[in-house]
Protein backbone atom coordinates (compact mmCIF):
# COMPACT_ATOMS: atom_id res chain seq x y z
CA MET A 1 -22.04 -60.17 -46.32
CA SER A 2 -18.91 -61.05 -46.24
CA LEU A 3 -16.95 -57.57 -46.18
CA PHE A 4 -19.65 -55.79 -43.94
CA PRO A 5 -19.36 -57.42 -40.95
CA ARG A 6 -15.95 -56.97 -40.65
CA ARG A 7 -15.86 -53.90 -41.55
CA SER A 8 -18.62 -52.94 -38.66
CA SER A 9 -15.99 -55.38 -36.27
CA GLY A 10 -13.27 -53.03 -37.46
CA LEU A 11 -15.16 -49.88 -36.63
CA ALA A 12 -16.60 -51.38 -33.38
CA ARG A 13 -12.99 -52.01 -32.32
CA LEU A 14 -12.09 -48.48 -33.03
CA ALA A 15 -14.62 -46.73 -31.83
CA PRO A 16 -13.89 -46.66 -27.83
CA ALA A 17 -10.10 -44.70 -29.10
CA LEU A 18 -12.26 -42.94 -31.27
CA ALA A 19 -14.91 -41.79 -28.55
CA LEU A 20 -11.59 -40.89 -26.28
CA ALA A 21 -10.20 -38.84 -29.20
CA ALA A 22 -13.64 -37.57 -29.37
CA GLY A 23 -13.57 -36.58 -25.57
CA LEU A 24 -10.47 -35.07 -24.86
CA LEU A 25 -10.88 -32.92 -28.04
CA GLY A 26 -13.89 -31.53 -26.61
CA LEU A 27 -11.75 -31.23 -23.16
CA ALA A 28 -8.97 -29.16 -25.10
CA GLY A 29 -12.06 -27.17 -26.68
CA GLY A 30 -13.48 -26.48 -23.31
CA ALA A 31 -10.42 -25.56 -21.60
CA ALA A 32 -9.91 -23.36 -24.64
CA ALA A 33 -13.22 -21.29 -24.14
CA GLN A 34 -12.66 -20.85 -20.44
CA PRO A 35 -11.71 -17.25 -20.02
CA ALA A 36 -8.45 -16.52 -18.22
CA LYS A 37 -9.05 -14.90 -14.52
CA PRO A 38 -8.21 -11.58 -14.86
CA LEU A 39 -4.92 -10.00 -12.72
CA VAL A 40 -6.00 -8.69 -9.72
CA LYS A 41 -4.30 -5.13 -9.71
CA VAL A 42 -2.39 -4.36 -6.23
CA ARG A 43 -1.53 -0.35 -6.03
CA TYR A 44 2.22 -1.08 -4.19
CA GLU A 45 4.71 1.58 -2.81
CA GLU A 46 8.47 1.00 -2.28
CA VAL A 47 9.99 3.11 0.49
CA ILE A 48 13.19 3.82 -1.87
CA ARG A 49 14.73 2.02 -4.49
CA SER A 50 17.90 0.24 -3.48
CA VAL A 51 19.77 -2.83 -4.01
CA LEU A 52 18.67 -3.76 -0.46
CA TYR A 53 15.12 -4.90 -1.96
CA VAL A 54 16.56 -7.45 -4.57
CA PRO A 55 14.20 -10.67 -3.69
CA MET A 56 11.31 -7.73 -4.64
CA TYR A 57 12.26 -6.84 -7.59
CA VAL A 58 13.30 -10.10 -8.60
CA ALA A 59 10.00 -11.08 -8.13
CA LEU A 60 8.32 -8.57 -10.35
CA ASN A 61 11.10 -9.53 -13.07
CA GLN A 62 10.48 -12.95 -12.80
CA GLY A 63 6.89 -12.95 -12.77
CA TYR A 64 6.13 -14.60 -9.54
CA PHE A 65 3.26 -12.07 -8.71
CA LYS A 66 1.58 -12.71 -12.14
CA ASP A 67 1.89 -16.29 -11.71
CA ALA A 68 0.30 -15.82 -8.19
CA GLY A 69 -2.71 -13.85 -9.78
CA LEU A 70 -1.17 -10.31 -9.31
CA ASP A 71 -0.87 -7.30 -11.18
CA VAL A 72 1.40 -4.98 -9.38
CA GLY A 73 2.09 -1.36 -10.30
CA MET A 74 5.09 0.07 -8.26
CA LYS A 75 5.96 3.40 -7.17
CA THR A 76 8.45 4.99 -4.99
CA SER A 77 7.95 6.75 -2.40
CA GLN A 78 10.97 8.46 -1.39
CA GLY A 79 10.93 7.77 2.87
CA THR A 80 8.66 5.29 5.10
CA ASP A 81 6.55 8.68 6.42
CA LYS A 82 5.83 9.51 3.02
CA GLY A 83 4.70 5.52 2.24
CA MET A 84 2.32 5.41 5.52
CA ALA A 85 0.83 8.61 4.37
CA ALA A 86 -0.02 6.79 0.99
CA LEU A 87 -1.61 3.87 2.53
CA LEU A 88 -3.41 5.35 5.28
CA SER A 89 -5.02 8.41 2.27
CA GLY A 90 -5.92 4.86 0.35
CA SER A 91 -3.64 5.82 -2.55
CA ALA A 92 -1.40 2.46 -2.00
CA ASP A 93 -2.83 -1.00 -1.08
CA ILE A 94 0.38 -2.63 0.75
CA VAL A 95 3.58 -0.38 0.70
CA LEU A 96 7.13 -1.83 1.80
CA ILE A 97 8.29 0.68 4.94
CA GLY A 98 10.40 0.42 8.63
CA PRO A 99 7.80 -1.10 11.02
CA GLU A 100 8.74 1.59 13.18
CA ALA A 101 5.65 3.46 11.48
CA SER A 102 3.05 0.71 12.23
CA ILE A 103 3.63 1.34 15.68
CA TYR A 104 3.93 5.16 15.47
CA VAL A 105 0.40 4.72 14.03
CA ALA A 106 -0.84 2.24 16.42
CA ASN A 107 -0.53 5.12 19.11
CA SER A 108 -1.86 7.83 17.46
CA GLU A 109 -6.04 8.46 17.01
CA SER A 110 -5.63 7.04 12.96
CA PRO A 111 -9.34 5.20 12.81
CA THR A 112 -7.16 3.71 10.29
CA LYS A 113 -4.52 0.92 11.85
CA PRO A 114 -1.47 -0.67 9.70
CA LYS A 115 -1.09 -4.36 9.39
CA ILE A 116 2.29 -5.76 8.86
CA PHE A 117 1.86 -9.10 7.31
CA ALA A 118 5.63 -10.37 5.53
CA GLY A 119 9.39 -9.07 6.36
CA LEU A 120 11.56 -8.48 3.33
CA THR A 121 14.78 -7.47 5.14
CA ALA A 122 16.25 -9.07 7.94
CA THR A 123 18.22 -5.83 8.95
CA ASP A 124 19.46 -1.96 8.43
CA GLY A 125 21.06 -2.41 4.70
CA PHE A 126 22.96 1.25 5.28
CA LEU A 127 26.80 1.31 5.51
CA LEU A 128 28.97 4.32 7.38
CA MET A 129 31.04 6.23 4.91
CA SER A 130 33.82 8.72 5.45
CA ARG A 131 34.68 11.39 2.96
CA LYS A 132 38.05 10.75 4.02
CA PRO A 133 39.88 7.00 3.65
CA VAL A 134 40.36 5.18 7.30
CA THR A 135 43.95 4.44 8.11
CA GLY A 136 44.18 1.05 9.94
CA LYS A 137 41.18 -0.73 11.02
CA PHE A 138 38.24 1.54 11.37
CA ASP A 139 37.83 3.20 15.46
CA TRP A 140 33.99 4.00 16.18
CA ASN A 141 35.63 6.60 18.36
CA GLN A 142 36.90 8.96 15.29
CA LEU A 143 33.33 9.86 15.12
CA ARG A 144 33.69 11.89 17.80
CA GLY A 145 33.35 15.28 17.28
CA LYS A 146 32.19 15.05 14.20
CA SER A 147 28.84 15.70 11.78
CA VAL A 148 27.46 12.37 9.97
CA MET A 149 24.14 12.59 8.07
CA ALA A 150 21.70 10.14 9.26
CA PHE A 151 17.90 10.52 8.55
CA ARG A 152 14.77 11.89 10.02
CA PRO A 153 14.59 11.45 13.86
CA GLY A 154 12.46 8.51 14.37
CA SER A 155 13.27 7.05 10.96
CA ASN A 156 14.67 3.18 10.84
CA PRO A 157 17.32 4.59 9.59
CA ASP A 158 18.44 7.12 11.88
CA VAL A 159 17.25 4.70 15.33
CA PHE A 160 19.50 1.82 13.70
CA LEU A 161 22.71 3.86 13.58
CA GLU A 162 21.79 5.60 17.55
CA ALA A 163 21.60 1.71 18.42
CA ALA A 164 25.54 0.82 16.47
CA LEU A 165 26.77 4.07 17.75
CA ARG A 166 25.40 3.63 21.75
CA LYS A 167 27.20 -0.19 21.26
CA HIS A 168 30.33 1.50 20.71
CA GLY A 169 30.06 3.93 23.60
CA LEU A 170 29.26 6.71 21.77
CA ASP A 171 25.94 8.91 23.04
CA PRO A 172 24.39 9.86 19.85
CA LYS A 173 22.82 13.23 21.26
CA LYS A 174 26.59 14.10 22.84
CA ASP A 175 29.38 12.88 21.32
CA LEU A 176 28.72 14.02 17.67
CA LYS A 177 26.30 15.69 15.33
CA LEU A 178 23.72 13.78 13.60
CA VAL A 179 22.38 15.54 10.73
CA ASN A 180 18.52 14.66 9.98
CA ASN A 181 17.40 17.48 7.93
CA ILE A 182 18.07 16.25 4.31
CA GLY A 183 15.63 14.53 2.37
CA PRO A 184 16.16 10.84 1.02
CA ALA A 185 16.43 12.48 -2.41
CA ALA A 186 18.63 14.92 -1.46
CA ARG A 187 21.55 13.16 0.37
CA THR A 188 23.98 12.11 -2.21
CA GLY A 189 23.89 15.84 -3.48
CA ALA A 190 24.79 17.03 -0.26
CA TRP A 191 27.41 14.59 0.45
CA LEU A 192 29.20 15.75 -3.21
CA ALA A 193 28.58 19.11 -2.28
CA GLY A 194 31.31 18.55 0.85
CA GLN A 195 28.29 18.55 3.87
CA ASN A 196 29.29 16.73 6.70
CA ASP A 197 32.21 14.49 7.77
CA TYR A 198 30.58 10.66 7.52
CA ALA A 199 27.18 9.60 6.40
CA ILE A 200 25.22 6.28 6.37
CA PHE A 201 23.80 5.14 2.45
CA LEU A 202 22.50 2.32 1.06
CA GLU A 203 23.53 0.26 -2.23
CA PRO A 204 24.21 1.47 -4.69
CA GLU A 205 24.95 4.96 -3.79
CA ALA A 206 27.66 3.66 -1.31
CA GLY A 207 29.19 1.61 -4.05
CA THR A 208 29.06 4.31 -6.66
CA LEU A 209 30.35 6.91 -4.38
CA GLU A 210 33.20 4.56 -3.25
CA LYS A 211 34.19 3.80 -7.06
CA ASP A 212 33.91 7.17 -7.71
CA GLY A 213 36.37 8.19 -4.85
CA ASN A 214 33.99 10.20 -3.04
CA GLY A 215 33.77 8.01 -0.26
CA HIS A 216 34.90 5.20 1.81
CA VAL A 217 33.05 2.49 3.31
CA LEU A 218 33.59 1.32 7.20
CA ALA A 219 31.11 -0.21 8.64
CA SER A 220 27.64 -2.12 7.97
CA ILE A 221 25.13 -0.59 10.42
CA GLY A 222 22.77 -3.89 10.23
CA SER A 223 25.31 -6.23 11.09
CA GLU A 224 26.23 -4.20 14.20
CA VAL A 225 23.04 -3.95 15.48
CA GLY A 226 21.96 -7.84 14.45
CA PRO A 227 18.71 -9.53 13.04
CA VAL A 228 15.81 -6.75 13.59
CA ASP A 229 13.44 -6.64 10.81
CA TYR A 230 14.09 -3.52 8.72
CA THR A 231 11.68 -3.13 5.89
CA VAL A 232 8.18 -4.80 6.21
CA PHE A 233 5.26 -4.83 3.67
CA THR A 234 2.18 -3.62 5.24
CA THR A 235 -1.05 -3.21 4.69
CA THR A 236 -4.32 -1.60 6.22
CA ASP A 237 -6.74 -3.75 8.55
CA ALA A 238 -9.21 -3.01 6.12
CA PHE A 239 -7.87 -3.92 3.16
CA MET A 240 -6.26 -7.53 4.88
CA GLN A 241 -10.38 -7.72 5.78
CA LYS A 242 -11.73 -7.44 2.57
CA ASN A 243 -8.56 -9.24 0.73
CA PRO A 244 -6.75 -12.03 1.98
CA ASP A 245 -6.54 -13.85 -1.02
CA VAL A 246 -4.37 -11.06 -2.20
CA LEU A 247 -1.89 -10.90 0.75
CA GLN A 248 -1.82 -14.43 0.46
CA ALA A 249 -0.42 -14.50 -3.09
CA TRP A 250 1.76 -11.76 -2.44
CA THR A 251 3.27 -13.38 0.39
CA ASN A 252 3.79 -16.53 -1.22
CA ALA A 253 5.70 -14.60 -4.43
CA VAL A 254 7.64 -13.12 -2.03
CA ALA A 255 8.50 -16.23 -0.24
CA ARG A 256 9.64 -17.85 -3.22
CA ALA A 257 12.12 -14.82 -4.41
CA GLN A 258 13.44 -15.17 -1.01
CA LYS A 259 14.00 -18.87 -1.66
CA TYR A 260 15.52 -18.31 -5.04
CA VAL A 261 17.98 -15.19 -4.17
CA GLN A 262 19.72 -17.51 -1.50
CA SER A 263 21.24 -19.83 -3.96
CA ALA A 264 21.24 -17.73 -6.91
CA PRO A 265 24.85 -16.23 -8.58
CA ALA A 266 24.94 -12.52 -8.27
CA ALA A 267 25.32 -12.07 -11.77
CA ASP A 268 21.95 -13.55 -12.79
CA LEU A 269 20.25 -11.67 -10.12
CA ALA A 270 21.96 -8.63 -11.24
CA LYS A 271 20.48 -9.24 -14.69
CA GLN A 272 17.24 -9.88 -13.18
CA ILE A 273 16.83 -6.43 -11.34
CA ALA A 274 18.94 -4.17 -13.81
CA GLU A 275 15.65 -2.43 -15.16
CA TYR A 276 15.11 -1.12 -12.15
CA PHE A 277 18.77 0.73 -11.80
CA PRO A 278 18.80 1.94 -15.47
CA GLY A 279 22.46 4.21 -13.95
CA MET A 280 24.25 0.97 -12.92
CA SER A 281 26.09 -1.61 -15.07
CA GLN A 282 25.31 -5.39 -14.34
CA PRO A 283 29.09 -5.61 -12.89
CA GLU A 284 28.05 -2.93 -10.21
CA LEU A 285 24.87 -4.51 -9.55
CA ALA A 286 26.50 -7.79 -8.87
CA LYS A 287 29.36 -6.37 -6.81
CA ALA A 288 26.68 -4.52 -4.77
CA ILE A 289 24.47 -7.74 -4.47
CA GLU A 290 27.61 -9.56 -3.13
CA ARG A 291 28.70 -7.21 -0.52
CA TYR A 292 24.75 -6.95 0.85
CA ARG A 293 25.00 -11.28 0.68
CA GLY A 294 28.02 -11.12 2.81
CA TYR A 295 25.82 -8.77 5.67
CA LYS A 296 22.75 -11.44 5.33
CA LEU A 297 20.38 -8.78 4.95
CA TRP A 298 17.71 -10.56 3.24
CA LYS A 299 15.30 -12.86 5.10
CA THR A 300 14.80 -16.41 4.21
CA SER A 301 11.34 -15.96 5.07
CA PRO A 302 8.36 -13.52 5.12
CA LEU A 303 7.60 -14.27 8.80
CA VAL A 304 8.45 -10.97 11.22
CA GLU A 305 9.20 -12.31 14.50
CA LYS A 306 8.08 -11.26 17.97
CA ALA A 307 11.35 -10.91 19.17
CA ALA A 308 12.27 -8.84 16.34
CA VAL A 309 9.44 -6.03 17.11
CA GLU A 310 10.75 -6.54 20.76
CA GLN A 311 14.14 -5.27 20.03
CA LEU A 312 13.06 -2.48 17.79
CA GLN A 313 10.83 -0.97 20.54
CA ASP A 314 13.67 -1.13 22.92
CA MET A 315 16.03 0.55 20.37
CA LEU A 316 13.19 3.17 19.68
CA ALA A 317 12.67 3.62 23.44
CA ALA A 318 16.59 4.48 23.92
CA SER A 319 16.53 6.55 21.27
CA GLY A 320 13.75 8.95 22.84
CA VAL A 321 11.04 8.46 20.35
CA LEU A 322 9.20 5.76 21.77
CA GLU A 323 7.32 6.13 25.61
CA SER A 324 7.82 2.84 27.72
CA ALA A 325 3.69 3.12 28.28
CA LYS A 326 3.20 3.17 24.86
CA ARG A 327 5.03 0.15 23.79
CA VAL A 328 2.81 -2.09 21.71
CA LYS A 329 2.20 -5.66 21.52
CA TYR A 330 3.03 -7.58 18.89
CA GLU A 331 -0.50 -8.96 17.74
CA GLN A 332 -1.23 -5.00 17.65
CA VAL A 333 1.06 -4.63 14.51
CA VAL A 334 1.77 -7.65 13.09
CA VAL A 335 -0.10 -10.77 11.36
CA THR A 336 1.43 -13.89 10.91
CA ASP A 337 -1.37 -15.78 9.44
CA PHE A 338 -0.17 -15.12 5.16
CA ALA A 339 3.43 -15.94 6.65
CA ALA A 340 2.72 -18.99 8.18
CA LYS A 341 0.67 -20.36 5.13
CA ALA A 342 3.44 -19.43 2.42
CA LYS A 343 4.19 -21.67 -0.25
């Protein structure tokens, strides 16, 4: 009699703890039994492969999209026109392209309308390069009478270059020859073959040409033009209506990467994006990143501002590729909801 009560009392004292432990085990078991939520597949196309898009590659490499519940498949379009075609044809869900394409399509008869929902780059990343070294300070008047390899007429690289030329008193149509008929993939080969006196290149091509003695960087086009959104994440109105959660998750991942890239050492960023540039060493990538960081080419927020869209349309009109009567309202092409809620 004397032992039983004592045992009973001990079990009684232990009962709450045992029950709590059993409950926790039950909860743990229940959580383990819950199937993981499948990632949502997103078909993504970038306009071109460039160090200019470092925040995007960091987001992919560091798993920011997976953390947001997205499984991103990436292709390279080789041009904003091709990226927009992929979007409108339904072979891509989200594209990274120039915002000028959305303005053009807004004025077209296409039943599908693109919507810009986040921005990645603050301005143009192209660098003006010369074939021969320039003695002393570069003067834009040195371009008079020369041939400059640009891009397709009406494309952002061409429009931004023309804006920079006009800023320095040059008429792009009269004072020099802009060469617009060489495709993105063929430009470096054309330059190495001796075509044209000057050209614009992105990193890492610019750094590689400079390292090999095949070109000399003279100026940043983006620094000349100022902050005007250059490449933006774009989808269709139909995808946006059906998949707002996907677009919010995407924008959150981009905002996270933009915040990280602001202060991360260039060497760390080079390591994280190396898989996307197999022909480049990490020190070469770090040098390109440092150059772009100095020009402040990366946005610190995914929000595309109204002033930037208005300035872009001014530039399109000045280049003669947008009639004044066909300017579009900011709200027609940009949706700010996702950038405003990005976290």
